[in-house]
N, C-alpha and C. Protein backbone atom coordinates (compact mmCIF):
# COMPACT_ATOMS: atom_id res chain seq x y z
N MET A 1 99.23 83.37 82.39
CA MET A 1 99.67 84.67 82.84
C MET A 1 98.47 85.42 83.43
N ILE A 2 98.67 86.01 84.58
CA ILE A 2 97.60 86.72 85.27
C ILE A 2 97.67 88.20 84.90
N HIS A 3 96.54 88.74 84.48
CA HIS A 3 96.46 90.17 84.16
C HIS A 3 95.63 90.85 85.24
N LEU A 4 96.23 91.83 85.89
CA LEU A 4 95.53 92.57 86.93
C LEU A 4 95.24 93.97 86.44
N ASN A 5 94.03 94.41 86.65
CA ASN A 5 93.74 95.80 86.34
C ASN A 5 94.02 96.65 87.58
N ALA A 6 93.86 97.96 87.44
CA ALA A 6 94.22 98.88 88.53
C ALA A 6 93.37 98.65 89.77
N CYS A 7 92.09 98.31 89.59
CA CYS A 7 91.21 98.08 90.74
C CYS A 7 91.67 96.87 91.55
N ASP A 8 92.11 95.82 90.87
CA ASP A 8 92.62 94.63 91.57
C ASP A 8 93.89 94.96 92.35
N VAL A 9 94.77 95.74 91.74
CA VAL A 9 96.02 96.11 92.40
C VAL A 9 95.73 96.93 93.65
N ILE A 10 94.79 97.88 93.55
CA ILE A 10 94.45 98.71 94.71
C ILE A 10 93.86 97.87 95.82
N GLN A 11 92.96 96.95 95.48
CA GLN A 11 92.35 96.11 96.51
C GLN A 11 93.39 95.21 97.18
N ILE A 12 94.26 94.62 96.39
CA ILE A 12 95.31 93.77 96.96
C ILE A 12 96.22 94.60 97.86
N TYR A 13 96.61 95.79 97.39
CA TYR A 13 97.47 96.67 98.17
C TYR A 13 96.80 97.07 99.49
N CYS A 14 95.51 97.43 99.43
CA CYS A 14 94.81 97.85 100.65
C CYS A 14 94.69 96.69 101.63
N PHE A 15 94.43 95.49 101.15
CA PHE A 15 94.33 94.35 102.06
C PHE A 15 95.69 94.00 102.67
N ILE A 16 96.76 94.13 101.89
CA ILE A 16 98.11 93.93 102.45
C ILE A 16 98.38 94.98 103.51
N GLN A 17 97.98 96.22 103.22
CA GLN A 17 98.20 97.29 104.18
C GLN A 17 97.35 97.09 105.44
N PHE A 18 96.11 96.59 105.28
CA PHE A 18 95.29 96.26 106.45
C PHE A 18 96.03 95.28 107.34
N GLY A 19 96.56 94.23 106.73
CA GLY A 19 97.26 93.20 107.49
C GLY A 19 98.50 93.73 108.18
N LEU A 20 99.32 94.47 107.44
CA LEU A 20 100.56 95.00 108.02
C LEU A 20 100.29 96.00 109.14
N LEU A 21 99.34 96.91 108.90
CA LEU A 21 99.07 97.91 109.94
C LEU A 21 98.37 97.28 111.14
N GLY A 22 97.52 96.29 110.90
CA GLY A 22 96.91 95.57 112.03
C GLY A 22 97.95 94.85 112.86
N TRP A 23 98.92 94.24 112.18
CA TRP A 23 100.02 93.58 112.88
C TRP A 23 100.84 94.61 113.65
N GLN A 24 101.09 95.77 113.06
CA GLN A 24 101.85 96.81 113.75
C GLN A 24 101.11 97.33 114.98
N VAL A 25 99.77 97.43 114.89
CA VAL A 25 98.99 97.84 116.07
C VAL A 25 99.23 96.85 117.21
N GLN A 26 99.20 95.57 116.89
CA GLN A 26 99.41 94.54 117.92
C GLN A 26 100.82 94.61 118.50
N VAL A 27 101.83 94.80 117.66
CA VAL A 27 103.21 94.87 118.13
C VAL A 27 103.42 96.10 119.01
N VAL A 28 102.91 97.25 118.56
CA VAL A 28 103.09 98.48 119.34
C VAL A 28 102.33 98.37 120.66
N LYS A 29 101.16 97.75 120.65
CA LYS A 29 100.40 97.57 121.90
C LYS A 29 101.18 96.69 122.88
N GLU A 30 101.85 95.64 122.37
CA GLU A 30 102.68 94.80 123.25
C GLU A 30 103.84 95.61 123.84
N TRP A 31 104.45 96.47 123.03
CA TRP A 31 105.54 97.30 123.55
C TRP A 31 105.01 98.31 124.56
N GLN A 32 103.79 98.80 124.37
CA GLN A 32 103.21 99.69 125.37
C GLN A 32 103.08 98.97 126.71
N TRP A 33 102.57 97.75 126.68
CA TRP A 33 102.45 96.98 127.91
C TRP A 33 103.83 96.73 128.52
N HIS A 34 104.81 96.49 127.68
CA HIS A 34 106.17 96.24 128.17
C HIS A 34 106.71 97.48 128.89
N TRP A 35 106.59 98.65 128.28
CA TRP A 35 107.14 99.86 128.88
C TRP A 35 106.28 100.39 130.02
N GLU A 36 105.00 100.01 130.05
CA GLU A 36 104.11 100.46 131.12
C GLU A 36 104.10 99.48 132.29
N ASN A 37 105.04 98.56 132.30
CA ASN A 37 105.07 97.54 133.36
C ASN A 37 105.22 98.23 134.71
N ARG A 38 104.13 98.25 135.46
CA ARG A 38 104.11 98.96 136.73
C ARG A 38 104.20 97.99 137.89
N GLU A 39 104.68 98.50 138.99
CA GLU A 39 104.79 97.68 140.19
C GLU A 39 103.42 97.55 140.84
N LEU A 40 103.05 96.34 141.17
CA LEU A 40 101.77 96.09 141.84
C LEU A 40 101.98 95.99 143.35
N PRO A 41 100.93 96.23 144.12
CA PRO A 41 101.04 96.04 145.57
C PRO A 41 101.34 94.59 145.92
N ALA A 42 101.62 94.34 147.19
CA ALA A 42 101.98 93.00 147.63
C ALA A 42 100.85 92.00 147.41
N THR A 43 99.62 92.48 147.40
CA THR A 43 98.48 91.59 147.16
C THR A 43 98.42 91.11 145.72
N GLY A 44 99.11 91.79 144.82
CA GLY A 44 99.12 91.40 143.41
C GLY A 44 97.95 91.94 142.63
N ALA A 45 97.13 92.75 143.26
CA ALA A 45 95.96 93.30 142.58
C ALA A 45 95.75 94.74 143.05
N ILE A 46 94.99 95.46 142.27
CA ILE A 46 94.66 96.83 142.62
C ILE A 46 93.18 96.86 142.99
N ASP A 47 92.87 97.32 144.21
CA ASP A 47 91.47 97.37 144.60
C ASP A 47 90.83 98.67 144.11
N GLN A 48 89.55 98.86 144.46
CA GLN A 48 88.82 100.02 143.96
C GLN A 48 89.44 101.32 144.44
N TYR A 49 89.86 101.37 145.69
CA TYR A 49 90.42 102.60 146.23
C TYR A 49 91.71 102.97 145.50
N GLN A 50 92.59 101.98 145.28
CA GLN A 50 93.85 102.26 144.60
C GLN A 50 93.62 102.62 143.14
N ALA A 51 92.57 102.10 142.54
CA ALA A 51 92.28 102.45 141.15
C ALA A 51 91.87 103.91 141.04
N ARG A 52 91.13 104.39 142.06
CA ARG A 52 90.69 105.80 142.02
C ARG A 52 91.79 106.75 142.48
N PHE A 53 92.55 106.34 143.49
CA PHE A 53 93.60 107.18 144.06
C PHE A 53 94.90 106.38 144.05
N PRO A 54 95.67 106.45 142.96
CA PRO A 54 96.82 105.55 142.79
C PRO A 54 97.87 105.66 143.89
N GLY A 55 98.14 106.86 144.36
CA GLY A 55 99.06 107.04 145.48
C GLY A 55 100.43 106.46 145.27
N LEU A 56 100.80 105.50 146.13
CA LEU A 56 102.15 104.98 146.20
C LEU A 56 102.61 104.32 144.90
N TYR A 57 101.72 103.64 144.20
CA TYR A 57 102.13 102.85 143.05
C TYR A 57 101.95 103.59 141.72
N ALA A 58 101.65 104.86 141.77
CA ALA A 58 101.43 105.62 140.54
C ALA A 58 102.76 105.98 139.90
N ARG A 59 102.73 106.12 138.60
CA ARG A 59 103.90 106.60 137.87
C ARG A 59 103.58 107.97 137.32
N TYR A 60 104.27 108.97 137.79
CA TYR A 60 103.97 110.33 137.39
C TYR A 60 104.89 110.82 136.29
N THR A 61 105.87 110.06 135.94
CA THR A 61 106.78 110.45 134.87
C THR A 61 106.62 109.50 133.69
N GLU A 62 107.00 109.99 132.54
CA GLU A 62 106.92 109.18 131.33
C GLU A 62 108.31 109.09 130.74
N THR A 63 108.77 107.89 130.51
CA THR A 63 110.11 107.71 129.95
C THR A 63 110.09 108.03 128.46
N PRO A 64 111.25 108.30 127.87
CA PRO A 64 111.29 108.55 126.42
C PRO A 64 110.76 107.37 125.61
N GLU A 65 111.02 106.15 126.09
CA GLU A 65 110.52 104.97 125.38
C GLU A 65 109.01 104.93 125.39
N THR A 66 108.41 105.28 126.52
CA THR A 66 106.95 105.28 126.63
C THR A 66 106.35 106.34 125.72
N ARG A 67 106.95 107.53 125.69
CA ARG A 67 106.46 108.58 124.79
C ARG A 67 106.54 108.14 123.34
N LYS A 68 107.65 107.49 122.99
CA LYS A 68 107.84 107.04 121.61
C LYS A 68 106.81 105.98 121.24
N ILE A 69 106.60 105.01 122.11
CA ILE A 69 105.64 103.94 121.83
C ILE A 69 104.22 104.50 121.76
N ASN A 70 103.87 105.45 122.64
CA ASN A 70 102.54 106.06 122.58
C ASN A 70 102.34 106.83 121.29
N ALA A 71 103.38 107.53 120.83
CA ALA A 71 103.29 108.24 119.55
C ALA A 71 103.14 107.26 118.39
N LEU A 72 103.92 106.17 118.42
CA LEU A 72 103.80 105.15 117.37
C LEU A 72 102.41 104.54 117.36
N TYR A 73 101.84 104.31 118.53
CA TYR A 73 100.51 103.71 118.61
C TYR A 73 99.46 104.65 118.01
N ALA A 74 99.56 105.93 118.33
CA ALA A 74 98.60 106.90 117.78
C ALA A 74 98.74 106.99 116.26
N ILE A 75 99.97 107.03 115.77
CA ILE A 75 100.19 107.14 114.32
C ILE A 75 99.69 105.90 113.60
N VAL A 76 99.96 104.71 114.13
CA VAL A 76 99.55 103.49 113.43
C VAL A 76 98.03 103.34 113.45
N LEU A 77 97.36 103.82 114.51
CA LEU A 77 95.89 103.78 114.50
C LEU A 77 95.31 104.74 113.47
N ILE A 78 95.91 105.92 113.34
CA ILE A 78 95.46 106.87 112.32
C ILE A 78 95.70 106.29 110.93
N CYS A 79 96.86 105.67 110.72
CA CYS A 79 97.15 105.05 109.41
C CYS A 79 96.16 103.94 109.10
N LEU A 80 95.82 103.14 110.09
CA LEU A 80 94.86 102.06 109.87
C LEU A 80 93.48 102.62 109.51
N GLY A 81 93.07 103.67 110.19
CA GLY A 81 91.79 104.32 109.86
C GLY A 81 91.81 104.92 108.47
N LEU A 82 92.92 105.56 108.11
CA LEU A 82 93.03 106.14 106.76
C LEU A 82 93.03 105.06 105.69
N THR A 83 93.63 103.92 105.98
CA THR A 83 93.65 102.83 105.01
C THR A 83 92.25 102.29 104.75
N ILE A 84 91.45 102.21 105.80
CA ILE A 84 90.07 101.75 105.64
C ILE A 84 89.29 102.73 104.77
N ILE A 85 89.52 104.02 104.93
CA ILE A 85 88.84 105.02 104.11
C ILE A 85 89.44 105.08 102.71
N HIS A 86 90.72 104.74 102.59
CA HIS A 86 91.43 104.84 101.31
C HIS A 86 90.92 103.83 100.28
N LEU A 87 90.48 102.66 100.71
CA LEU A 87 89.99 101.65 99.77
C LEU A 87 88.78 102.13 98.99
N PRO A 88 87.69 102.62 99.62
CA PRO A 88 86.57 103.12 98.81
C PRO A 88 86.93 104.36 98.00
N ASN A 89 87.81 105.21 98.56
CA ASN A 89 88.23 106.38 97.79
C ASN A 89 89.01 105.98 96.55
N SER A 90 89.81 104.94 96.63
CA SER A 90 90.57 104.48 95.47
C SER A 90 89.64 103.91 94.40
N ILE A 91 88.64 103.15 94.84
CA ILE A 91 87.68 102.62 93.87
C ILE A 91 86.88 103.75 93.24
N ALA A 92 86.50 104.75 94.05
CA ALA A 92 85.79 105.92 93.50
C ALA A 92 86.67 106.69 92.54
N MET A 93 87.97 106.79 92.84
CA MET A 93 88.88 107.49 91.93
C MET A 93 88.96 106.78 90.59
N LEU A 94 89.07 105.47 90.62
CA LEU A 94 89.12 104.72 89.36
C LEU A 94 87.83 104.88 88.56
N TYR A 95 86.70 104.86 89.26
CA TYR A 95 85.42 105.07 88.58
C TYR A 95 85.35 106.48 88.00
N GLY A 96 85.82 107.47 88.77
CA GLY A 96 85.83 108.85 88.28
C GLY A 96 86.75 109.04 87.09
N CYS A 97 87.89 108.36 87.10
CA CYS A 97 88.80 108.44 85.95
C CYS A 97 88.18 107.78 84.72
N ASN A 98 87.49 106.68 84.93
CA ASN A 98 86.88 105.96 83.82
C ASN A 98 85.73 106.75 83.21
N LYS A 99 84.92 107.40 84.05
CA LYS A 99 83.74 108.13 83.58
C LYS A 99 83.98 109.63 83.43
N SER A 100 85.20 110.08 83.66
CA SER A 100 85.58 111.51 83.57
C SER A 100 84.78 112.38 84.54
N PHE A 101 84.70 111.94 85.78
CA PHE A 101 84.08 112.72 86.85
C PHE A 101 85.19 113.25 87.76
N PRO A 102 85.59 114.52 87.59
CA PRO A 102 86.70 115.02 88.41
C PRO A 102 86.37 115.07 89.91
N ASN A 103 85.10 115.22 90.25
CA ASN A 103 84.74 115.27 91.68
C ASN A 103 84.94 113.93 92.37
N TRP A 104 85.00 112.86 91.61
CA TRP A 104 85.23 111.54 92.19
C TRP A 104 86.72 111.25 92.34
N ILE A 105 87.55 112.06 91.70
CA ILE A 105 89.00 111.83 91.72
C ILE A 105 89.66 112.53 92.91
N PHE A 106 89.23 113.74 93.22
CA PHE A 106 89.91 114.54 94.24
C PHE A 106 89.89 113.97 95.65
N PRO A 107 88.82 113.31 96.12
CA PRO A 107 88.87 112.77 97.50
C PRO A 107 89.99 111.76 97.73
N TRP A 108 90.45 111.13 96.67
CA TRP A 108 91.54 110.16 96.81
C TRP A 108 92.80 110.82 97.37
N PHE A 109 93.04 112.07 96.97
CA PHE A 109 94.23 112.77 97.43
C PHE A 109 94.17 113.07 98.93
N PHE A 110 92.95 113.20 99.47
CA PHE A 110 92.81 113.51 100.90
C PHE A 110 93.11 112.31 101.79
N THR A 111 93.16 111.12 101.21
CA THR A 111 93.58 109.95 102.00
C THR A 111 94.97 109.46 101.61
N SER A 112 95.34 109.60 100.35
CA SER A 112 96.63 109.05 99.92
C SER A 112 97.81 109.89 100.42
N ILE A 113 97.70 111.20 100.35
CA ILE A 113 98.81 112.05 100.78
C ILE A 113 99.07 111.93 102.28
N PRO A 114 98.02 112.03 103.15
CA PRO A 114 98.30 111.82 104.58
C PRO A 114 98.78 110.40 104.89
N LEU A 115 98.29 109.42 104.13
CA LEU A 115 98.71 108.04 104.36
C LEU A 115 100.20 107.87 104.06
N ILE A 116 100.66 108.45 102.97
CA ILE A 116 102.09 108.38 102.63
C ILE A 116 102.92 109.11 103.68
N ILE A 117 102.48 110.30 104.07
CA ILE A 117 103.23 111.09 105.05
C ILE A 117 103.27 110.38 106.41
N LEU A 118 102.12 109.90 106.87
CA LEU A 118 102.08 109.27 108.19
C LEU A 118 102.83 107.94 108.22
N CYS A 119 102.77 107.16 107.14
CA CYS A 119 103.55 105.92 107.10
C CYS A 119 105.05 106.22 107.10
N THR A 120 105.43 107.31 106.43
CA THR A 120 106.84 107.71 106.44
C THR A 120 107.26 108.16 107.84
N VAL A 121 106.42 108.96 108.50
CA VAL A 121 106.72 109.41 109.86
C VAL A 121 106.81 108.21 110.80
N TYR A 122 105.90 107.26 110.64
CA TYR A 122 105.91 106.05 111.47
C TYR A 122 107.21 105.27 111.25
N SER A 123 107.61 105.12 110.00
CA SER A 123 108.84 104.38 109.70
C SER A 123 110.06 105.08 110.29
N VAL A 124 110.12 106.40 110.13
CA VAL A 124 111.26 107.15 110.66
C VAL A 124 111.30 107.07 112.18
N LEU A 125 110.13 107.20 112.82
CA LEU A 125 110.09 107.08 114.28
C LEU A 125 110.50 105.68 114.73
N TRP A 126 110.08 104.70 113.98
CA TRP A 126 110.41 103.31 114.32
C TRP A 126 111.91 103.07 114.21
N TRP A 127 112.52 103.64 113.18
CA TRP A 127 113.95 103.43 112.94
C TRP A 127 114.82 104.20 113.91
N SER A 128 114.35 105.33 114.42
CA SER A 128 115.19 106.18 115.26
C SER A 128 115.35 105.54 116.63
N GLY A 129 116.42 104.89 116.82
CA GLY A 129 116.68 104.20 118.07
C GLY A 129 117.08 102.77 117.80
N ASP A 130 117.20 102.02 118.86
CA ASP A 130 117.67 100.65 118.73
C ASP A 130 116.50 99.66 118.80
N ILE A 131 115.44 99.96 118.06
CA ILE A 131 114.23 99.15 118.19
C ILE A 131 114.18 98.09 117.11
N PHE A 132 113.98 96.85 117.51
CA PHE A 132 113.36 95.78 116.76
C PHE A 132 114.03 95.42 115.42
N ALA A 133 113.78 94.22 114.94
CA ALA A 133 114.42 93.72 113.72
C ALA A 133 113.42 93.44 112.62
N GLU A 134 112.53 92.45 112.81
CA GLU A 134 111.62 92.12 111.71
C GLU A 134 110.59 93.22 111.49
N GLN A 135 110.28 94.00 112.54
CA GLN A 135 109.37 95.12 112.35
C GLN A 135 109.97 96.15 111.41
N LEU A 136 111.29 96.33 111.51
CA LEU A 136 111.97 97.24 110.59
C LEU A 136 111.82 96.77 109.16
N THR A 137 112.00 95.49 108.94
CA THR A 137 111.87 94.93 107.59
C THR A 137 110.47 95.13 107.05
N PHE A 138 109.45 94.85 107.86
CA PHE A 138 108.08 95.00 107.39
C PHE A 138 107.69 96.46 107.22
N SER A 139 108.25 97.36 108.05
CA SER A 139 107.97 98.79 107.87
C SER A 139 108.54 99.28 106.54
N VAL A 140 109.76 98.86 106.23
CA VAL A 140 110.36 99.23 104.94
C VAL A 140 109.55 98.62 103.80
N PHE A 141 109.14 97.37 103.94
CA PHE A 141 108.34 96.69 102.91
C PHE A 141 107.03 97.43 102.67
N GLU A 142 106.34 97.82 103.74
CA GLU A 142 105.06 98.53 103.61
C GLU A 142 105.27 99.89 102.96
N PHE A 143 106.35 100.57 103.32
CA PHE A 143 106.63 101.88 102.75
C PHE A 143 106.92 101.76 101.25
N ILE A 144 107.70 100.77 100.85
CA ILE A 144 108.01 100.58 99.43
C ILE A 144 106.76 100.21 98.65
N ILE A 145 105.92 99.34 99.22
CA ILE A 145 104.67 98.97 98.54
C ILE A 145 103.77 100.19 98.38
N SER A 146 103.68 101.03 99.42
CA SER A 146 102.82 102.21 99.31
C SER A 146 103.31 103.15 98.23
N LEU A 147 104.62 103.34 98.14
CA LEU A 147 105.14 104.20 97.07
C LEU A 147 104.90 103.58 95.70
N ALA A 148 105.16 102.29 95.57
CA ALA A 148 104.98 101.63 94.27
C ALA A 148 103.52 101.64 93.84
N ALA A 149 102.61 101.36 94.76
CA ALA A 149 101.19 101.33 94.40
C ALA A 149 100.69 102.72 94.04
N ASN A 150 101.14 103.74 94.76
CA ASN A 150 100.68 105.09 94.45
C ASN A 150 101.30 105.63 93.17
N VAL A 151 102.50 105.21 92.84
CA VAL A 151 103.11 105.62 91.57
C VAL A 151 102.45 104.88 90.42
N PHE A 152 102.09 103.60 90.64
CA PHE A 152 101.45 102.80 89.60
C PHE A 152 100.12 103.40 89.19
N ILE A 153 99.38 103.91 90.17
CA ILE A 153 98.06 104.47 89.88
C ILE A 153 98.26 105.82 89.26
């Protein structure tokens, strides 16, 4: 029988979250490329002049899908950054709880609360619409793990 202490659970949870959020960054980036599919000139390339002055081939409007994907990309990057900061804060919180240092406990709340809120916002944004299948499953899985891990601690 394997016995895990709280530090092991936090590290496992953070590494799972690294993997899931990294995968989500890749998926959202692919959808950005899909929705940003722009028409190229007949030459099939954009020269220096067209890169500076887009002119005929520029897109001046943004579709709702593009806005949604750009928002998802920004949120998932913020979540990934918060997760990287959350791992040392979680270890510091456990050390502070063990040694009764309240100043080591409070920084954990500054990463865990925004992480829970932003992952929830990301999941709700992902679900609103007719988007994707396995991403929905993994978003729900990540959300449930984040709630379970934060309640466990």
